[in-house]
PDB file of N, CA and C in Angstrom:
ATOM      1  N   MET A   1     107.533 -60.611 -72.105  1.00  0.00           N
ATOM      2  CA  MET A   1     107.114 -59.231 -71.951  1.00  0.00           C
ATOM      3  C   MET A   1     105.659 -59.133 -71.489  1.00  0.00           C
ATOM      4  N   ASN A   2     104.776 -59.885 -72.097  1.00  0.00           N
ATOM      5  CA  ASN A   2     103.354 -59.801 -71.750  1.00  0.00           C
ATOM      6  C   ASN A   2     102.989 -60.609 -70.517  1.00  0.00           C
ATOM      7  N   ARG A   3     103.921 -61.378 -69.980  1.00  0.00           N
ATOM      8  CA  ARG A   3     103.634 -62.213 -68.816  1.00  0.00           C
ATOM      9  C   ARG A   3     104.537 -61.858 -67.646  1.00  0.00           C
ATOM     10  N   ASN A   4     104.947 -60.625 -67.555  1.00  0.00           N
ATOM     11  CA  ASN A   4     105.825 -60.168 -66.491  1.00  0.00           C
ATOM     12  C   ASN A   4     105.032 -60.035 -65.194  1.00  0.00           C
ATOM     13  N   PRO A   5     105.359 -60.817 -64.143  1.00  0.00           N
ATOM     14  CA  PRO A   5     104.610 -60.730 -62.889  1.00  0.00           C
ATOM     15  C   PRO A   5     104.802 -59.401 -62.165  1.00  0.00           C
ATOM     16  N   ASN A   6     105.831 -58.635 -62.529  1.00  0.00           N
ATOM     17  CA  ASN A   6     106.008 -57.307 -61.932  1.00  0.00           C
ATOM     18  C   ASN A   6     105.025 -56.297 -62.506  1.00  0.00           C
ATOM     19  N   VAL A   7     104.505 -56.584 -63.691  1.00  0.00           N
ATOM     20  CA  VAL A   7     103.561 -55.685 -64.353  1.00  0.00           C
ATOM     21  C   VAL A   7     102.127 -56.163 -64.171  1.00  0.00           C
ATOM     22  N   TYR A   8     101.907 -57.473 -64.338  1.00  0.00           N
ATOM     23  CA  TYR A   8     100.561 -58.047 -64.271  1.00  0.00           C
ATOM     24  C   TYR A   8     100.420 -58.883 -63.006  1.00  0.00           C
ATOM     25  N   GLN A   9      99.311 -58.722 -62.312  1.00  0.00           N
ATOM     26  CA  GLN A   9      99.094 -59.378 -61.029  1.00  0.00           C
ATOM     27  C   GLN A   9      99.155 -60.903 -61.140  1.00  0.00           C
ATOM     28  N   ASP A  10      98.463 -61.489 -62.078  1.00  0.00           N
ATOM     29  CA  ASP A  10      98.447 -62.937 -62.284  1.00  0.00           C
ATOM     30  C   ASP A  10      98.557 -63.195 -63.786  1.00  0.00           C
ATOM     31  N   PRO A  11      99.778 -63.229 -64.326  1.00  0.00           N
ATOM     32  CA  PRO A  11      99.944 -63.276 -65.782  1.00  0.00           C
ATOM     33  C   PRO A  11      99.470 -64.565 -66.445  1.00  0.00           C
ATOM     34  N   ASP A  12      99.261 -65.641 -65.674  1.00  0.00           N
ATOM     35  CA  ASP A  12      98.837 -66.907 -66.266  1.00  0.00           C
ATOM     36  C   ASP A  12      97.326 -67.046 -66.369  1.00  0.00           C
ATOM     37  N   ARG A  13      96.578 -66.100 -65.847  1.00  0.00           N
ATOM     38  CA  ARG A  13      95.115 -66.134 -65.933  1.00  0.00           C
ATOM     39  C   ARG A  13      94.632 -65.025 -66.854  1.00  0.00           C
ATOM     40  N   PHE A  14      93.509 -65.267 -67.543  1.00  0.00           N
ATOM     41  CA  PHE A  14      92.902 -64.265 -68.419  1.00  0.00           C
ATOM     42  C   PHE A  14      92.057 -63.330 -67.565  1.00  0.00           C
ATOM     43  N   LEU A  15      92.540 -62.124 -67.352  1.00  0.00           N
ATOM     44  CA  LEU A  15      91.852 -61.126 -66.536  1.00  0.00           C
ATOM     45  C   LEU A  15      91.776 -59.814 -67.312  1.00  0.00           C
ATOM     46  N   PRO A  16      90.804 -59.655 -68.212  1.00  0.00           N
ATOM     47  CA  PRO A  16      90.743 -58.431 -69.011  1.00  0.00           C
ATOM     48  C   PRO A  16      90.482 -57.184 -68.181  1.00  0.00           C
ATOM     49  N   GLU A  17      89.873 -57.330 -67.009  1.00  0.00           N
ATOM     50  CA  GLU A  17      89.584 -56.158 -66.181  1.00  0.00           C
ATOM     51  C   GLU A  17      90.851 -55.515 -65.627  1.00  0.00           C
ATOM     52  N   CYS A  18      91.980 -56.217 -65.652  1.00  0.00           N
ATOM     53  CA  CYS A  18      93.218 -55.611 -65.148  1.00  0.00           C
ATOM     54  C   CYS A  18      93.643 -54.433 -66.029  1.00  0.00           C
ATOM     55  N   HIS A  19      93.226 -54.409 -67.280  1.00  0.00           N
ATOM     56  CA  HIS A  19      93.585 -53.307 -68.173  1.00  0.00           C
ATOM     57  C   HIS A  19      92.692 -52.086 -67.963  1.00  0.00           C
ATOM     58  N   LEU A  20      91.553 -52.249 -67.327  1.00  0.00           N
ATOM     59  CA  LEU A  20      90.659 -51.121 -67.075  1.00  0.00           C
ATOM     60  C   LEU A  20      91.177 -50.234 -65.952  1.00  0.00           C
ATOM     61  N   LYS A  21      92.064 -50.764 -65.119  1.00  0.00           N
ATOM     62  CA  LYS A  21      92.574 -50.013 -63.973  1.00  0.00           C
ATOM     63  C   LYS A  21      93.881 -49.299 -64.289  1.00  0.00           C
ATOM     64  N   SER A  22      94.204 -49.165 -65.541  1.00  0.00           N
ATOM     65  CA  SER A  22      95.431 -48.500 -65.947  1.00  0.00           C
ATOM     66  C   SER A  22      95.374 -47.020 -65.575  1.00  0.00           C
ATOM     67  N   ALA A  23      96.516 -46.445 -65.268  1.00  0.00           N
ATOM     68  CA  ALA A  23      96.573 -45.021 -64.915  1.00  0.00           C
ATOM     69  C   ALA A  23      96.104 -44.150 -66.077  1.00  0.00           C
ATOM     70  N   ALA A  24      96.334 -44.615 -67.304  1.00  0.00           N
ATOM     71  CA  ALA A  24      95.917 -43.864 -68.490  1.00  0.00           C
ATOM     72  C   ALA A  24      94.477 -44.161 -68.873  1.00  0.00           C
ATOM     73  N   GLY A  25      93.821 -45.070 -68.147  1.00  0.00           N
ATOM     74  CA  GLY A  25      92.455 -45.449 -68.469  1.00  0.00           C
ATOM     75  C   GLY A  25      92.441 -46.588 -69.470  1.00  0.00           C
ATOM     76  N   PRO A  26      91.253 -46.983 -69.923  1.00  0.00           N
ATOM     77  CA  PRO A  26      91.169 -48.132 -70.830  1.00  0.00           C
ATOM     78  C   PRO A  26      91.700 -47.850 -72.232  1.00  0.00           C
ATOM     79  N   PHE A  27      91.909 -46.585 -72.573  1.00  0.00           N
ATOM     80  CA  PHE A  27      92.356 -46.235 -73.922  1.00  0.00           C
ATOM     81  C   PHE A  27      93.757 -45.644 -73.872  1.00  0.00           C
ATOM     82  N   GLU A  28      94.717 -46.460 -73.493  1.00  0.00           N
ATOM     83  CA  GLU A  28      96.076 -45.958 -73.440  1.00  0.00           C
ATOM     84  C   GLU A  28      96.678 -45.937 -74.836  1.00  0.00           C
ATOM     85  N   SER A  29      97.848 -45.388 -74.966  1.00  0.00           N
ATOM     86  CA  SER A  29      98.507 -45.243 -76.259  1.00  0.00           C
ATOM     87  C   SER A  29      98.794 -46.599 -76.897  1.00  0.00           C
ATOM     88  N   ILE A  30      98.678 -46.671 -78.203  1.00  0.00           N
ATOM     89  CA  ILE A  30      98.980 -47.906 -78.925  1.00  0.00           C
ATOM     90  C   ILE A  30     100.464 -48.240 -78.831  1.00  0.00           C
ATOM     91  N   ASP A  31     101.298 -47.250 -78.518  1.00  0.00           N
ATOM     92  CA  ASP A  31     102.733 -47.480 -78.411  1.00  0.00           C
ATOM     93  C   ASP A  31     103.095 -48.332 -77.205  1.00  0.00           C
ATOM     94  N   ASN A  32     102.203 -48.436 -76.221  1.00  0.00           N
ATOM     95  CA  ASN A  32     102.480 -49.208 -75.014  1.00  0.00           C
ATOM     96  C   ASN A  32     101.981 -50.643 -75.097  1.00  0.00           C
ATOM     97  N   ILE A  33     101.446 -51.061 -76.223  1.00  0.00           N
ATOM     98  CA  ILE A  33     100.898 -52.403 -76.360  1.00  0.00           C
ATOM     99  C   ILE A  33     101.949 -53.288 -77.025  1.00  0.00           C
ATOM    100  N   TYR A  34     102.418 -54.291 -76.307  1.00  0.00           N
ATOM    101  CA  TYR A  34     103.482 -55.154 -76.815  1.00  0.00           C
ATOM    102  C   TYR A  34     103.028 -56.090 -77.920  1.00  0.00           C
ATOM    103  N   ALA A  35     101.730 -56.272 -78.089  1.00  0.00           N
ATOM    104  CA  ALA A  35     101.243 -57.177 -79.135  1.00  0.00           C
ATOM    105  C   ALA A  35     101.658 -56.695 -80.525  1.00  0.00           C
ATOM    106  N   TYR A  36     101.917 -55.404 -80.672  1.00  0.00           N
ATOM    107  CA  TYR A  36     102.352 -54.868 -81.958  1.00  0.00           C
ATOM    108  C   TYR A  36     103.858 -54.998 -82.148  1.00  0.00           C
ATOM    109  N   GLY A  37     104.535 -55.558 -81.167  1.00  0.00           N
ATOM    110  CA  GLY A  37     105.972 -55.731 -81.251  1.00  0.00           C
ATOM    111  C   GLY A  37     106.702 -54.467 -80.824  1.00  0.00           C
ATOM    112  N   PHE A  38     108.011 -54.535 -80.918  1.00  0.00           N
ATOM    113  CA  PHE A  38     108.820 -53.388 -80.534  1.00  0.00           C
ATOM    114  C   PHE A  38     110.156 -53.490 -81.246  1.00  0.00           C
ATOM    115  N   GLY A  39     110.843 -52.394 -81.322  1.00  0.00           N
ATOM    116  CA  GLY A  39     112.141 -52.389 -81.992  1.00  0.00           C
ATOM    117  C   GLY A  39     112.014 -52.671 -83.474  1.00  0.00           C
ATOM    118  N   ARG A  40     112.898 -53.506 -83.984  1.00  0.00           N
ATOM    119  CA  ARG A  40     112.895 -53.835 -85.417  1.00  0.00           C
ATOM    120  C   ARG A  40     111.687 -54.650 -85.824  1.00  0.00           C
ATOM    121  N   ARG A  41     111.037 -55.315 -84.891  1.00  0.00           N
ATOM    122  CA  ARG A  41     109.927 -56.209 -85.221  1.00  0.00           C
ATOM    123  C   ARG A  41     108.560 -55.565 -84.993  1.00  0.00           C
ATOM    124  N   VAL A  42     108.527 -54.270 -84.895  1.00  0.00           N
ATOM    125  CA  VAL A  42     107.259 -53.577 -84.678  1.00  0.00           C
ATOM    126  C   VAL A  42     106.373 -53.723 -85.916  1.00  0.00           C
ATOM    127  N   CYS A  43     105.083 -53.742 -85.707  1.00  0.00           N
ATOM    128  CA  CYS A  43     104.120 -53.898 -86.800  1.00  0.00           C
ATOM    129  C   CYS A  43     104.258 -52.723 -87.774  1.00  0.00           C
ATOM    130  N   ALA A  44     104.585 -53.032 -89.001  1.00  0.00           N
ATOM    131  CA  ALA A  44     104.801 -51.981 -89.998  1.00  0.00           C
ATOM    132  C   ALA A  44     103.503 -51.287 -90.396  1.00  0.00           C
ATOM    133  N   GLY A  45     102.374 -51.951 -90.243  1.00  0.00           N
ATOM    134  CA  GLY A  45     101.107 -51.385 -90.676  1.00  0.00           C
ATOM    135  C   GLY A  45     100.314 -50.677 -89.600  1.00  0.00           C
ATOM    136  N   ARG A  46     100.868 -50.521 -88.397  1.00  0.00           N
ATOM    137  CA  ARG A  46     100.065 -49.921 -87.325  1.00  0.00           C
ATOM    138  C   ARG A  46      99.741 -48.457 -87.596  1.00  0.00           C
ATOM    139  N   TYR A  47     100.634 -47.712 -88.222  1.00  0.00           N
ATOM    140  CA  TYR A  47     100.343 -46.308 -88.521  1.00  0.00           C
ATOM    141  C   TYR A  47      99.318 -46.201 -89.647  1.00  0.00           C
ATOM    142  N   MET A  48      99.404 -47.094 -90.618  1.00  0.00           N
ATOM    143  CA  MET A  48      98.411 -47.101 -91.693  1.00  0.00           C
ATOM    144  C   MET A  48      97.035 -47.460 -91.139  1.00  0.00           C
ATOM    145  N   ALA A  49      96.975 -48.433 -90.229  1.00  0.00           N
ATOM    146  CA  ALA A  49      95.702 -48.812 -89.616  1.00  0.00           C
ATOM    147  C   ALA A  49      95.127 -47.654 -88.813  1.00  0.00           C
ATOM    148  N   ASP A  50      95.966 -46.960 -88.065  1.00  0.00           N
ATOM    149  CA  ASP A  50      95.512 -45.815 -87.275  1.00  0.00           C
ATOM    150  C   ASP A  50      94.960 -44.718 -88.183  1.00  0.00           C
ATOM    151  N   ASN A  51      95.659 -44.414 -89.266  1.00  0.00           N
ATOM    152  CA  ASN A  51      95.193 -43.385 -90.202  1.00  0.00           C
ATOM    153  C   ASN A  51      93.926 -43.808 -90.931  1.00  0.00           C
ATOM    154  N   THR A  52      93.806 -45.089 -91.260  1.00  0.00           N
ATOM    155  CA  THR A  52      92.611 -45.585 -91.937  1.00  0.00           C
ATOM    156  C   THR A  52      91.390 -45.474 -91.043  1.00  0.00           C
ATOM    157  N   ILE A  53      91.542 -45.818 -89.781  1.00  0.00           N
ATOM    158  CA  ILE A  53      90.426 -45.691 -88.838  1.00  0.00           C
ATOM    159  C   ILE A  53      90.023 -44.230 -88.698  1.00  0.00           C
ATOM    160  N   TRP A  54      91.009 -43.334 -88.586  1.00  0.00           N
ATOM    161  CA  TRP A  54      90.701 -41.905 -88.444  1.00  0.00           C
ATOM    162  C   TRP A  54      89.944 -41.402 -89.667  1.00  0.00           C
ATOM    163  N   LEU A  55      90.407 -41.759 -90.868  1.00  0.00           N
ATOM    164  CA  LEU A  55      89.738 -41.311 -92.091  1.00  0.00           C
ATOM    165  C   LEU A  55      88.332 -41.885 -92.212  1.00  0.00           C
ATOM    166  N   THR A  56      88.144 -43.130 -91.799  1.00  0.00           N
ATOM    167  CA  THR A  56      86.820 -43.746 -91.860  1.00  0.00           C
ATOM    168  C   THR A  56      85.849 -43.041 -90.929  1.00  0.00           C
ATOM    169  N   VAL A  57      86.269 -42.783 -89.711  1.00  0.00           N
ATOM    170  CA  VAL A  57      85.402 -42.084 -88.752  1.00  0.00           C
ATOM    171  C   VAL A  57      85.104 -40.672 -89.240  1.00  0.00           C
ATOM    172  N   ALA A  58      86.107 -39.966 -89.760  1.00  0.00           N
ATOM    173  CA  ALA A  58      85.892 -38.613 -90.269  1.00  0.00           C
ATOM    174  C   ALA A  58      84.925 -38.619 -91.452  1.00  0.00           C
ATOM    175  N   SER A  59      85.027 -39.599 -92.332  1.00  0.00           N
ATOM    176  CA  SER A  59      84.124 -39.689 -93.482  1.00  0.00           C
ATOM    177  C   SER A  59      82.691 -39.975 -93.052  1.00  0.00           C
ATOM    178  N   VAL A  60      82.522 -40.860 -92.084  1.00  0.00           N
ATOM    179  CA  VAL A  60      81.177 -41.169 -91.590  1.00  0.00           C
ATOM    180  C   VAL A  60      80.566 -39.946 -90.926  1.00  0.00           C
ATOM    181  N   LEU A  61      81.341 -39.243 -90.116  1.00  0.00           N
ATOM    182  CA  LEU A  61      80.818 -38.043 -89.456  1.00  0.00           C
ATOM    183  C   LEU A  61      80.483 -36.947 -90.461  1.00  0.00           C
ATOM    184  N   ALA A  62      81.247 -36.843 -91.543  1.00  0.00           N
ATOM    185  CA  ALA A  62      80.972 -35.830 -92.559  1.00  0.00           C
ATOM    186  C   ALA A  62      79.720 -36.164 -93.366  1.00  0.00           C
ATOM    187  N   ALA A  63      79.385 -37.440 -93.479  1.00  0.00           N
ATOM    188  CA  ALA A  63      78.249 -37.854 -94.297  1.00  0.00           C
ATOM    189  C   ALA A  63      76.917 -37.732 -93.570  1.00  0.00           C
ATOM    190  N   PHE A  64      76.938 -37.681 -92.266  1.00  0.00           N
ATOM    191  CA  PHE A  64      75.707 -37.637 -91.490  1.00  0.00           C
ATOM    192  C   PHE A  64      75.467 -36.249 -90.925  1.00  0.00           C
ATOM    193  N   THR A  65      74.195 -35.920 -90.730  1.00  0.00           N
ATOM    194  CA  THR A  65      73.823 -34.674 -90.071  1.00  0.00           C
ATOM    195  C   THR A  65      73.560 -34.991 -88.608  1.00  0.00           C
ATOM    196  N   MET A  66      74.356 -34.410 -87.751  1.00  0.00           N
ATOM    197  CA  MET A  66      74.199 -34.655 -86.320  1.00  0.00           C
ATOM    198  C   MET A  66      73.220 -33.641 -85.747  1.00  0.00           C
ATOM    199  N   GLY A  67      72.282 -34.126 -84.979  1.00  0.00           N
ATOM    200  CA  GLY A  67      71.307 -33.239 -84.360  1.00  0.00           C
ATOM    201  C   GLY A  67      70.419 -34.004 -83.410  1.00  0.00           C
ATOM    202  N   LYS A  68      69.505 -33.296 -82.802  1.00  0.00           N
ATOM    203  CA  LYS A  68      68.583 -33.932 -81.872  1.00  0.00           C
ATOM    204  C   LYS A  68      67.620 -34.836 -82.631  1.00  0.00           C
ATOM    205  N   ALA A  69      67.216 -35.898 -81.980  1.00  0.00           N
ATOM    206  CA  ALA A  69      66.254 -36.820 -82.585  1.00  0.00           C
ATOM    207  C   ALA A  69      64.902 -36.133 -82.723  1.00  0.00           C
ATOM    208  N   LYS A  70      64.188 -36.447 -83.805  1.00  0.00           N
ATOM    209  CA  LYS A  70      62.877 -35.846 -84.048  1.00  0.00           C
ATOM    210  C   LYS A  70      61.804 -36.914 -83.924  1.00  0.00           C
ATOM    211  N   ASP A  71      60.669 -36.517 -83.382  1.00  0.00           N
ATOM    212  CA  ASP A  71      59.547 -37.448 -83.292  1.00  0.00           C
ATOM    213  C   ASP A  71      58.581 -37.196 -84.450  1.00  0.00           C
ATOM    214  N   GLY A  72      57.396 -37.755 -84.393  1.00  0.00           N
ATOM    215  CA  GLY A  72      56.414 -37.611 -85.462  1.00  0.00           C
ATOM    216  C   GLY A  72      55.963 -36.175 -85.686  1.00  0.00           C
ATOM    217  N   ASN A  73      56.091 -35.309 -84.686  1.00  0.00           N
ATOM    218  CA  ASN A  73      55.678 -33.907 -84.797  1.00  0.00           C
ATOM    219  C   ASN A  73      56.822 -32.993 -85.214  1.00  0.00           C
ATOM    220  N   GLY A  74      57.973 -33.543 -85.473  1.00  0.00           N
ATOM    221  CA  GLY A  74      59.108 -32.739 -85.901  1.00  0.00           C
ATOM    222  C   GLY A  74      59.984 -32.399 -84.766  1.00  0.00           C
TER     223      GLY A  74
END
């Protein structure tokens, strides 16, 4: 699946830049990544990981005051 020459230009070489040219951009859906498996063998913890990351980012943003940077004069 991950080495299909119809999908990847040169599947035997490590070319990370090939993923930057995706139609969806560099941040495509996690559902399209075969490393997490598919069907019955899909990663059972991927939804928990996604929710944990979201909660962590939301907690960090809630704890900080976002605003313009201040210099010595305020």
